[in-house]
């Protein structure tokens, strides 16, 4: 069912609602496919731990990507489909990622696939890709990879990234409390050609920047979307 969600993007886009079966939990999760005219790529876009697929940050990011001609498939993890609470276990979360990537290939068979997400959603996507390649996904893009808990610097959460077999783009705020650059930069460098880091100066984990920068949240997201479009293979 095609459902318009807000004004169309500059290139013209339509959002449709779908259900994705997740065998690991024996039920469906909701999904939103936003497809601008002329799109070549579809970003399978997982939400962060404290949000869901309809959160304003997810919608704003999807809109910015649509302006760059990139389609998005946002989806809920099962715990958010049930109304919130504690995030799913890694086993359930990675099974949901796999189901979403598989559904993306069926919902938009003409588009090339890239997967990832915000914070928790990005980390669960990378964990799934490290365990077994995500069918059809040519790259991963992370909006604020959560390298460690706030105030507890470490790199344990990144150990699995070496097993990911596709290129990865890390979009990070310089003031991200969940990914200190002193740890993040060398971690990405160790990935070699598979890892690319793009830092937004003065931005936090949610990509908010101080007013003194003169940039709005929307402008920051526009810049991130442009970087994604530039980075994806032609």
C-alpha atoms as a PDB file:
ATOM      1  CA  UNK A   1       0.000   0.000   0.000  1.00  0.00           C
ATOM      2  CA  UNK A   2       1.583   3.313  -1.033  1.00  0.00           C
ATOM      3  CA  UNK A   3       1.291   5.940   1.699  1.00  0.00           C
ATOM      4  CA  UNK A   4       2.662   9.468   1.398  1.00  0.00           C
ATOM      5  CA  UNK A   5       4.620  10.422   4.528  1.00  0.00           C
ATOM      6  CA  UNK A   6       4.973  14.195   4.569  1.00  0.00           C
ATOM      7  CA  UNK A   7       5.887  16.235   1.522  1.00  0.00           C
ATOM      8  CA  UNK A   8       7.716  14.406  -1.234  1.00  0.00           C
ATOM      9  CA  UNK A   9      11.476  14.768  -1.345  1.00  0.00           C
ATOM     10  CA  UNK A  10      13.007  17.065  -3.952  1.00  0.00           C
ATOM     11  CA  UNK A  11      13.431  14.189  -6.370  1.00  0.00           C
ATOM     12  CA  UNK A  12       9.889  13.002  -5.642  1.00  0.00           C
ATOM     13  CA  UNK A  13       9.423  10.029  -3.308  1.00  0.00           C
ATOM     14  CA  UNK A  14       6.688   7.757  -2.000  1.00  0.00           C
ATOM     15  CA  UNK A  15       6.668   5.851   1.293  1.00  0.00           C
ATOM     16  CA  UNK A  16       4.909   2.507   1.526  1.00  0.00           C
ATOM     17  CA  UNK A  17       4.199   0.399   4.603  1.00  0.00           C
ATOM     18  CA  UNK A  18       5.147  -3.272   4.786  1.00  0.00           C
ATOM     19  CA  UNK A  19       5.449  -6.198   7.168  1.00  0.00           C
ATOM     20  CA  UNK A  20       8.636  -8.278   7.451  1.00  0.00           C
ATOM     21  CA  UNK A  21       8.458 -11.828   8.758  1.00  0.00           C
ATOM     22  CA  UNK A  22      11.138 -12.649  11.357  1.00  0.00           C
ATOM     23  CA  UNK A  23      11.177 -16.430  11.871  1.00  0.00           C
ATOM     24  CA  UNK A  24      13.326 -16.094  15.029  1.00  0.00           C
ATOM     25  CA  UNK A  25      10.427 -14.453  16.860  1.00  0.00           C
ATOM     26  CA  UNK A  26       7.582 -16.035  14.931  1.00  0.00           C
ATOM     27  CA  UNK A  27       5.965 -12.752  13.955  1.00  0.00           C
ATOM     28  CA  UNK A  28       6.278  -9.729  11.697  1.00  0.00           C
ATOM     29  CA  UNK A  29       7.871  -6.343  12.251  1.00  0.00           C
ATOM     30  CA  UNK A  30       6.749  -3.149  10.554  1.00  0.00           C
ATOM     31  CA  UNK A  31       8.749  -1.446   7.815  1.00  0.00           C
ATOM     32  CA  UNK A  32       8.636   1.755   5.760  1.00  0.00           C
ATOM     33  CA  UNK A  33      10.036   1.849   2.234  1.00  0.00           C
ATOM     34  CA  UNK A  34      10.803   5.351   0.961  1.00  0.00           C
ATOM     35  CA  UNK A  35      11.790   5.363  -2.706  1.00  0.00           C
ATOM     36  CA  UNK A  36      12.726   8.529  -4.607  1.00  0.00           C
ATOM     37  CA  UNK A  37      12.494   8.626  -8.375  1.00  0.00           C
ATOM     38  CA  UNK A  38      15.653   7.445 -10.071  1.00  0.00           C
ATOM     39  CA  UNK A  39      17.053   5.662  -7.009  1.00  0.00           C
ATOM     40  CA  UNK A  40      19.874   3.177  -7.605  1.00  0.00           C
ATOM     41  CA  UNK A  41      20.566   2.243  -3.984  1.00  0.00           C
ATOM     42  CA  UNK A  42      18.353   1.052  -1.119  1.00  0.00           C
ATOM     43  CA  UNK A  43      19.644   1.570   2.429  1.00  0.00           C
ATOM     44  CA  UNK A  44      18.285  -1.034   4.861  1.00  0.00           C
ATOM     45  CA  UNK A  45      18.120   1.280   7.858  1.00  0.00           C
ATOM     46  CA  UNK A  46      17.892   0.027  11.467  1.00  0.00           C
ATOM     47  CA  UNK A  47      16.962   2.320  14.364  1.00  0.00           C
ATOM     48  CA  UNK A  48      18.840   3.046  17.587  1.00  0.00           C
ATOM     49  CA  UNK A  49      18.099   1.460  20.963  1.00  0.00           C
ATOM     50  CA  UNK A  50      15.941   4.310  22.260  1.00  0.00           C
ATOM     51  CA  UNK A  51      14.007   5.080  19.089  1.00  0.00           C
ATOM     52  CA  UNK A  52      11.963   3.263  16.470  1.00  0.00           C
ATOM     53  CA  UNK A  53      11.579   3.439  12.703  1.00  0.00           C
ATOM     54  CA  UNK A  54       9.157   6.395  12.907  1.00  0.00           C
ATOM     55  CA  UNK A  55      11.305   8.542  15.179  1.00  0.00           C
ATOM     56  CA  UNK A  56      11.921  12.053  13.851  1.00  0.00           C
ATOM     57  CA  UNK A  57      15.653  11.379  13.529  1.00  0.00           C
ATOM     58  CA  UNK A  58      14.973   8.328  11.353  1.00  0.00           C
ATOM     59  CA  UNK A  59      12.460  10.220   9.217  1.00  0.00           C
ATOM     60  CA  UNK A  60      14.809  13.196   8.827  1.00  0.00           C
ATOM     61  CA  UNK A  61      17.690  10.949   7.788  1.00  0.00           C
ATOM     62  CA  UNK A  62      15.510   9.069   5.310  1.00  0.00           C
ATOM     63  CA  UNK A  63      14.363  12.394   3.839  1.00  0.00           C
ATOM     64  CA  UNK A  64      17.955  13.637   3.485  1.00  0.00           C
ATOM     65  CA  UNK A  65      18.998  10.412   1.774  1.00  0.00           C
ATOM     66  CA  UNK A  66      15.989  10.642  -0.556  1.00  0.00           C
ATOM     67  CA  UNK A  67      17.212  14.072  -1.656  1.00  0.00           C
ATOM     68  CA  UNK A  68      20.421  12.329  -2.733  1.00  0.00           C
ATOM     69  CA  UNK A  69      18.463   9.696  -4.653  1.00  0.00           C
ATOM     70  CA  UNK A  70      18.941   6.950  -2.052  1.00  0.00           C
ATOM     71  CA  UNK A  71      15.918   4.855  -1.065  1.00  0.00           C
ATOM     72  CA  UNK A  72      15.514   3.607   2.514  1.00  0.00           C
ATOM     73  CA  UNK A  73      13.833   0.654   4.166  1.00  0.00           C
ATOM     74  CA  UNK A  74      13.302   1.489   7.836  1.00  0.00           C
ATOM     75  CA  UNK A  75      12.098  -1.280  10.129  1.00  0.00           C
ATOM     76  CA  UNK A  76      11.438  -1.986  13.786  1.00  0.00           C
ATOM     77  CA  UNK A  77      13.251  -4.464  15.946  1.00  0.00           C
ATOM     78  CA  UNK A  78      10.806  -6.844  17.682  1.00  0.00           C
ATOM     79  CA  UNK A  79      11.053  -5.143  21.092  1.00  0.00           C
ATOM     80  CA  UNK A  80       9.921  -1.847  19.576  1.00  0.00           C
ATOM     81  CA  UNK A  81       7.171  -3.605  17.655  1.00  0.00           C
ATOM     82  CA  UNK A  82       5.915  -4.764  21.060  1.00  0.00           C
ATOM     83  CA  UNK A  83       5.959  -1.198  22.378  1.00  0.00           C
ATOM     84  CA  UNK A  84       9.472  -0.679  23.702  1.00  0.00           C
ATOM     85  CA  UNK A  85      11.380  -1.923  26.691  1.00  0.00           C
ATOM     86  CA  UNK A  86      14.731  -3.650  26.790  1.00  0.00           C
ATOM     87  CA  UNK A  87      16.471  -4.120  23.412  1.00  0.00           C
ATOM     88  CA  UNK A  88      16.397  -7.565  21.865  1.00  0.00           C
ATOM     89  CA  UNK A  89      19.210 -10.032  22.389  1.00  0.00           C
ATOM     90  CA  UNK A  90      21.911  -9.998  19.693  1.00  0.00           C
ATOM     91  CA  UNK A  91      20.531 -13.281  18.325  1.00  0.00           C
ATOM     92  CA  UNK A  92      17.052 -11.812  17.804  1.00  0.00           C
ATOM     93  CA  UNK A  93      18.407  -8.472  16.544  1.00  0.00           C
ATOM     94  CA  UNK A  94      20.724 -10.040  13.973  1.00  0.00           C
ATOM     95  CA  UNK A  95      17.942 -12.359  12.788  1.00  0.00           C
ATOM     96  CA  UNK A  96      15.785  -9.266  12.268  1.00  0.00           C
ATOM     97  CA  UNK A  97      18.546  -7.564  10.285  1.00  0.00           C
ATOM     98  CA  UNK A  98      18.811 -10.601   8.014  1.00  0.00           C
ATOM     99  CA  UNK A  99      15.057 -10.704   7.516  1.00  0.00           C
ATOM    100  CA  UNK A 100      15.009  -6.997   6.631  1.00  0.00           C
ATOM    101  CA  UNK A 101      17.818  -7.308   4.088  1.00  0.00           C
ATOM    102  CA  UNK A 102      16.080 -10.288   2.524  1.00  0.00           C
ATOM    103  CA  UNK A 103      12.807  -8.382   2.366  1.00  0.00           C
ATOM    104  CA  UNK A 104      14.535  -5.389   0.799  1.00  0.00           C
ATOM    105  CA  UNK A 105      15.690  -7.484  -2.130  1.00  0.00           C
ATOM    106  CA  UNK A 106      12.099  -8.573  -2.726  1.00  0.00           C
ATOM    107  CA  UNK A 107      10.473  -5.172  -2.217  1.00  0.00           C
ATOM    108  CA  UNK A 108      12.863  -3.319  -4.539  1.00  0.00           C
ATOM    109  CA  UNK A 109      14.529  -5.907  -6.794  1.00  0.00           C
ATOM    110  CA  UNK A 110      15.968  -3.274  -9.122  1.00  0.00           C
ATOM    111  CA  UNK A 111      18.002  -1.494  -6.446  1.00  0.00           C
ATOM    112  CA  UNK A 112      21.478  -2.242  -5.102  1.00  0.00           C
ATOM    113  CA  UNK A 113      21.565  -2.841  -1.347  1.00  0.00           C
ATOM    114  CA  UNK A 114      23.513  -1.179   1.444  1.00  0.00           C
ATOM    115  CA  UNK A 115      22.731  -1.921   5.099  1.00  0.00           C
ATOM    116  CA  UNK A 116      23.359  -0.318   8.480  1.00  0.00           C
ATOM    117  CA  UNK A 117      21.658   2.026  10.883  1.00  0.00           C
ATOM    118  CA  UNK A 118      21.848   4.431  13.774  1.00  0.00           C
ATOM    119  CA  UNK A 119      23.867   3.418  16.850  1.00  0.00           C
ATOM    120  CA  UNK A 120      22.520   0.057  18.151  1.00  0.00           C
ATOM    121  CA  UNK A 121      20.947  -0.695  14.763  1.00  0.00           C
ATOM    122  CA  UNK A 122      24.249  -0.177  12.978  1.00  0.00           C
ATOM    123  CA  UNK A 123      26.150  -2.346  15.453  1.00  0.00           C
ATOM    124  CA  UNK A 124      23.629  -5.176  15.151  1.00  0.00           C
ATOM    125  CA  UNK A 125      23.842  -4.924  11.354  1.00  0.00           C
ATOM    126  CA  UNK A 126      27.626  -5.199  11.467  1.00  0.00           C
ATOM    127  CA  UNK A 127      27.397  -8.128  13.890  1.00  0.00           C
ATOM    128  CA  UNK A 128      25.016  -9.930  11.524  1.00  0.00           C
ATOM    129  CA  UNK A 129      27.359  -9.257   8.578  1.00  0.00           C
ATOM    130  CA  UNK A 130      30.347 -10.569  10.540  1.00  0.00           C
ATOM    131  CA  UNK A 131      28.564 -13.865  11.225  1.00  0.00           C
ATOM    132  CA  UNK A 132      27.458 -14.418   7.635  1.00  0.00           C
ATOM    133  CA  UNK A 133      27.346 -12.113   4.639  1.00  0.00           C
ATOM    134  CA  UNK A 134      24.066 -10.246   4.247  1.00  0.00           C
ATOM    135  CA  UNK A 135      22.691 -11.462   0.930  1.00  0.00           C
ATOM    136  CA  UNK A 136      22.955  -8.724  -1.663  1.00  0.00           C
ATOM    137  CA  UNK A 137      24.316  -6.019   0.674  1.00  0.00           C
ATOM    138  CA  UNK A 138      27.365  -4.479  -1.000  1.00  0.00           C
ATOM    139  CA  UNK A 139      28.362  -2.154   1.847  1.00  0.00           C
ATOM    140  CA  UNK A 140      27.518  -1.029   5.379  1.00  0.00           C
ATOM    141  CA  UNK A 141      26.892   2.544   6.578  1.00  0.00           C
ATOM    142  CA  UNK A 142      26.803   3.492  10.269  1.00  0.00           C
ATOM    143  CA  UNK A 143      25.270   6.684  11.655  1.00  0.00           C
ATOM    144  CA  UNK A 144      27.088   6.944  14.999  1.00  0.00           C
ATOM    145  CA  UNK A 145      28.678   3.522  15.608  1.00  0.00           C
ATOM    146  CA  UNK A 146      28.502   2.902  19.393  1.00  0.00           C
ATOM    147  CA  UNK A 147      32.077   1.813  20.019  1.00  0.00           C
ATOM    148  CA  UNK A 148      31.647   1.759  23.806  1.00  0.00           C
ATOM    149  CA  UNK A 149      29.221   2.824  26.559  1.00  0.00           C
ATOM    150  CA  UNK A 150      29.361   6.489  27.599  1.00  0.00           C
ATOM    151  CA  UNK A 151      32.181   7.039  30.074  1.00  0.00           C
ATOM    152  CA  UNK A 152      33.605   3.528  29.562  1.00  0.00           C
ATOM    153  CA  UNK A 153      36.088   3.725  26.643  1.00  0.00           C
ATOM    154  CA  UNK A 154      36.956   0.415  25.013  1.00  0.00           C
ATOM    155  CA  UNK A 155      36.987  -1.419  21.687  1.00  0.00           C
ATOM    156  CA  UNK A 156      35.389  -4.759  22.569  1.00  0.00           C
ATOM    157  CA  UNK A 157      32.288  -3.855  20.548  1.00  0.00           C
ATOM    158  CA  UNK A 158      34.442  -3.538  17.424  1.00  0.00           C
ATOM    159  CA  UNK A 159      36.210  -6.897  17.554  1.00  0.00           C
ATOM    160  CA  UNK A 160      33.769  -8.485  15.106  1.00  0.00           C
ATOM    161  CA  UNK A 161      34.297  -5.828  12.412  1.00  0.00           C
ATOM    162  CA  UNK A 162      37.411  -7.548  11.059  1.00  0.00           C
ATOM    163  CA  UNK A 163      35.166 -10.425   9.935  1.00  0.00           C
ATOM    164  CA  UNK A 164      32.881  -8.173   7.859  1.00  0.00           C
ATOM    165  CA  UNK A 165      33.615  -8.726   4.189  1.00  0.00           C
ATOM    166  CA  UNK A 166      32.239  -5.523   2.630  1.00  0.00           C
ATOM    167  CA  UNK A 167      33.263  -1.821   2.763  1.00  0.00           C
ATOM    168  CA  UNK A 168      32.064   0.155   5.791  1.00  0.00           C
ATOM    169  CA  UNK A 169      31.450   3.885   6.193  1.00  0.00           C
ATOM    170  CA  UNK A 170      31.511   5.284   9.744  1.00  0.00           C
ATOM    171  CA  UNK A 171      29.724   8.628  10.115  1.00  0.00           C
ATOM    172  CA  UNK A 172      30.662   9.968  13.530  1.00  0.00           C
ATOM    173  CA  UNK A 173      30.441  13.115  15.626  1.00  0.00           C
ATOM    174  CA  UNK A 174      33.741  14.413  16.980  1.00  0.00           C
ATOM    175  CA  UNK A 175      32.101  14.775  20.420  1.00  0.00           C
ATOM    176  CA  UNK A 176      30.341  11.404  20.395  1.00  0.00           C
ATOM    177  CA  UNK A 177      30.374  10.110  23.979  1.00  0.00           C
ATOM    178  CA  UNK A 178      29.905   6.557  22.650  1.00  0.00           C
ATOM    179  CA  UNK A 179      32.930   6.620  20.327  1.00  0.00           C
ATOM    180  CA  UNK A 180      35.998   8.599  21.385  1.00  0.00           C
ATOM    181  CA  UNK A 181      38.047   9.474  18.299  1.00  0.00           C
ATOM    182  CA  UNK A 182      41.269   8.392  20.019  1.00  0.00           C
ATOM    183  CA  UNK A 183      39.941   4.838  19.888  1.00  0.00           C
ATOM    184  CA  UNK A 184      37.775   5.061  16.786  1.00  0.00           C
ATOM    185  CA  UNK A 185      40.386   6.376  14.338  1.00  0.00           C
ATOM    186  CA  UNK A 186      42.919   3.563  14.841  1.00  0.00           C
ATOM    187  CA  UNK A 187      40.129   0.993  14.878  1.00  0.00           C
ATOM    188  CA  UNK A 188      38.923   2.117  11.449  1.00  0.00           C
ATOM    189  CA  UNK A 189      42.510   2.304  10.160  1.00  0.00           C
ATOM    190  CA  UNK A 190      43.030  -1.347  11.129  1.00  0.00           C
ATOM    191  CA  UNK A 191      40.176  -2.261   8.801  1.00  0.00           C
ATOM    192  CA  UNK A 192      42.327  -1.084   5.880  1.00  0.00           C
ATOM    193  CA  UNK A 193      40.507  -0.448   2.630  1.00  0.00           C
ATOM    194  CA  UNK A 194      37.274  -1.803   4.133  1.00  0.00           C
ATOM    195  CA  UNK A 195      36.936   1.107   6.571  1.00  0.00           C
ATOM    196  CA  UNK A 196      36.200   4.799   5.895  1.00  0.00           C
ATOM    197  CA  UNK A 197      35.681   7.375   8.648  1.00  0.00           C
ATOM    198  CA  UNK A 198      33.826  10.676   8.181  1.00  0.00           C
ATOM    199  CA  UNK A 199      33.872  12.973  11.214  1.00  0.00           C
ATOM    200  CA  UNK A 200      31.451  15.828  11.834  1.00  0.00           C
ATOM    201  CA  UNK A 201      33.281  18.403  13.926  1.00  0.00           C
ATOM    202  CA  UNK A 202      31.613  19.380  17.234  1.00  0.00           C
ATOM    203  CA  UNK A 203      28.740  16.918  16.687  1.00  0.00           C
ATOM    204  CA  UNK A 204      27.502  14.556  19.404  1.00  0.00           C
ATOM    205  CA  UNK A 205      26.178  11.015  19.077  1.00  0.00           C
ATOM    206  CA  UNK A 206      22.908  12.307  17.592  1.00  0.00           C
ATOM    207  CA  UNK A 207      24.777  14.673  15.227  1.00  0.00           C
ATOM    208  CA  UNK A 208      23.604  17.766  17.070  1.00  0.00           C
ATOM    209  CA  UNK A 209      26.116  20.626  16.859  1.00  0.00           C
ATOM    210  CA  UNK A 210      26.377  23.802  18.972  1.00  0.00           C
ATOM    211  CA  UNK A 211      24.460  26.850  17.750  1.00  0.00           C
ATOM    212  CA  UNK A 212      27.744  28.716  17.326  1.00  0.00           C
ATOM    213  CA  UNK A 213      28.532  26.535  14.300  1.00  0.00           C
ATOM    214  CA  UNK A 214      25.665  28.184  12.411  1.00  0.00           C
ATOM    215  CA  UNK A 215      24.470  24.764  11.246  1.00  0.00           C
ATOM    216  CA  UNK A 216      21.043  23.260  11.836  1.00  0.00           C
ATOM    217  CA  UNK A 217      20.416  19.559  12.431  1.00  0.00           C
ATOM    218  CA  UNK A 218      18.880  19.441   8.960  1.00  0.00           C
ATOM    219  CA  UNK A 219      22.018  20.877   7.360  1.00  0.00           C
ATOM    220  CA  UNK A 220      24.212  18.384   9.200  1.00  0.00           C
ATOM    221  CA  UNK A 221      22.047  15.496   7.965  1.00  0.00           C
ATOM    222  CA  UNK A 222      22.157  16.882   4.423  1.00  0.00           C
ATOM    223  CA  UNK A 223      25.934  16.808   4.604  1.00  0.00           C
ATOM    224  CA  UNK A 224      25.940  13.240   5.885  1.00  0.00           C
ATOM    225  CA  UNK A 225      23.579  12.135   3.117  1.00  0.00           C
ATOM    226  CA  UNK A 226      25.853  13.734   0.511  1.00  0.00           C
ATOM    227  CA  UNK A 227      28.818  11.875   1.976  1.00  0.00           C
ATOM    228  CA  UNK A 228      26.941   8.573   1.739  1.00  0.00           C
ATOM    229  CA  UNK A 229      26.032   9.264  -1.900  1.00  0.00           C
ATOM    230  CA  UNK A 230      29.628  10.191  -2.747  1.00  0.00           C
ATOM    231  CA  UNK A 231      31.018   7.107  -1.009  1.00  0.00           C
ATOM    232  CA  UNK A 232      28.733   4.472  -2.501  1.00  0.00           C
ATOM    233  CA  UNK A 233      30.163   2.777  -5.603  1.00  0.00           C
ATOM    234  CA  UNK A 234      28.844   4.094  -8.905  1.00  0.00           C
END
